[in-house]
Amino acid sequence: MKRFLPYSRQNIDKNDIKSVVQVLKSDFITQGPNIDKFEKEFAKYVGSKYTVCCATGTAALHLACLALGINSKSNVITTSITFVASANCAEFLGANINFTDIDEETHCMSVIDLEKKLKRQKIDLVIPVHLAGHSTDMKKIYQLKKKYKFKIIEDSCHALGGKYNGYKIGSCKFSDISTFSFHPVKPITSGEGGMITTNSKKIYEKLKLLRTHGIQKNPGYFTNKKLAFDRSYLPNKWYYEMSHLGYNYRLTDIQAALGLSQLSKLDKYTRKRNEIAKYYLKKLKTNKFITLPTTQKGVNHSYHLFTILIDFDKIKKTKNQVMNELASYNIGSQVLYIPIYYQPYYKKKYNYKPDDFPNSSKYYKEALSIPIFYGLKRTEQNFIIKKINKIIQY
């Protein structure tokens, strides 16, 4: 194989490049018209009332926690198999972090384990993660919300383009907020970037304020009237007020233009990823040492990742050996993710035990993500399948 095939990558075409060049030639490269356009088109696509774009997926999670009032007295729970940002966003605010085990089949948050922990402790915020592009069982979590009175932020960074119970991920049908990432390996990219969706006007207005240093430019909200207005009670053109402690989490117009261009191709990207996944499922199902991903009823998978589970004990190889053998054929692979309770920071602070999360620990032992991206050719996929079946055998 001539080119290296990573587990995922961006797809940039001439229209994407053209959209960025147009912004570079315009008067606005930071805060310009493409930001508003991107937000409106994104809201239209996912079916939410409001959207706020921001610097990264992590920034989106952090802003979401801030908007919901998470603080040092809050208890927050997320899944143990996710990128550290899903927990860090609440840790930034001094909240107490808890983890659930994962569902054995979907590898998303275990609703059964979540309810066990809700019975033991008051939880203020639940952050389910739609791992690999498969939605968590949001209806069941929403039912628990009514009973136990907590807020929900969907970490949807893997799942843009997918659906749950007929609703697009990001519609916030079963949550307060949904967050997305536009990192290059995600379903669409803006280089770096994030998006937050909600159906609450109150949350939306707070998000916009916190995204830009907590600075208010709407005269209707000014508190210092003497400084804000001239003698004729017209607002002073230069005036602004910092009403909250906020952050510089803005997206640039350059990034928004790229994101907007990519969004127009999202359905095409999602169809291609599903085609690739379907072919893997067909061609790898006879390998008795591999467990393939499944899709639950009512879920439209976006297949950000294609993760297989391998019985390394039976093939008498380590995960690292298999990854290195694949790499020798220019085939990339990745482990997504190391359980957060293994990370030194969380292990030292909370002293979580791997035995508390048996499904997560088993998943980590066996999981390996293999290449899936829009530009993957069928000949390349056949090559990957051939080498996987050669390497993963007794």
Foldseek 3Di string as FASTA:
>chain_A
DPAFFALFFFDDDPQLVVLLVVCVPDPFWFDDDLQVVLFVVVCVVQVFPGKHKWFALLVQLLLLCVLLPQALDAEEEEAQFAPCSLQVSNVVRNHHYYHAFADLAQRWGDLVRVVVVLVVDQHAEYETENPLQADDPLVSVLVVCVVRPHAYEYACQAHQLKFFLPGGQQRCPRGAKYKYWQPGLHLHHLPTMMMMGGRDPSSNVSSVCQQCQQKADDPVPDDPQVQQADPVRDGDPVDIDRPDGHDNTGGTSSSSSSSSVRVVCSNVFQVQLVVLLVVCCVLVVPQPQKDFHDHDPRIGGSRSWGKIFGPCVVQVHAPVVLQVLCVVVSWHKDQRDQGPCPDPVNCVPPVDDVVSHVSNVNCSRTIMTTHGGNPQDPVNSVVSSVSSSVSRDD
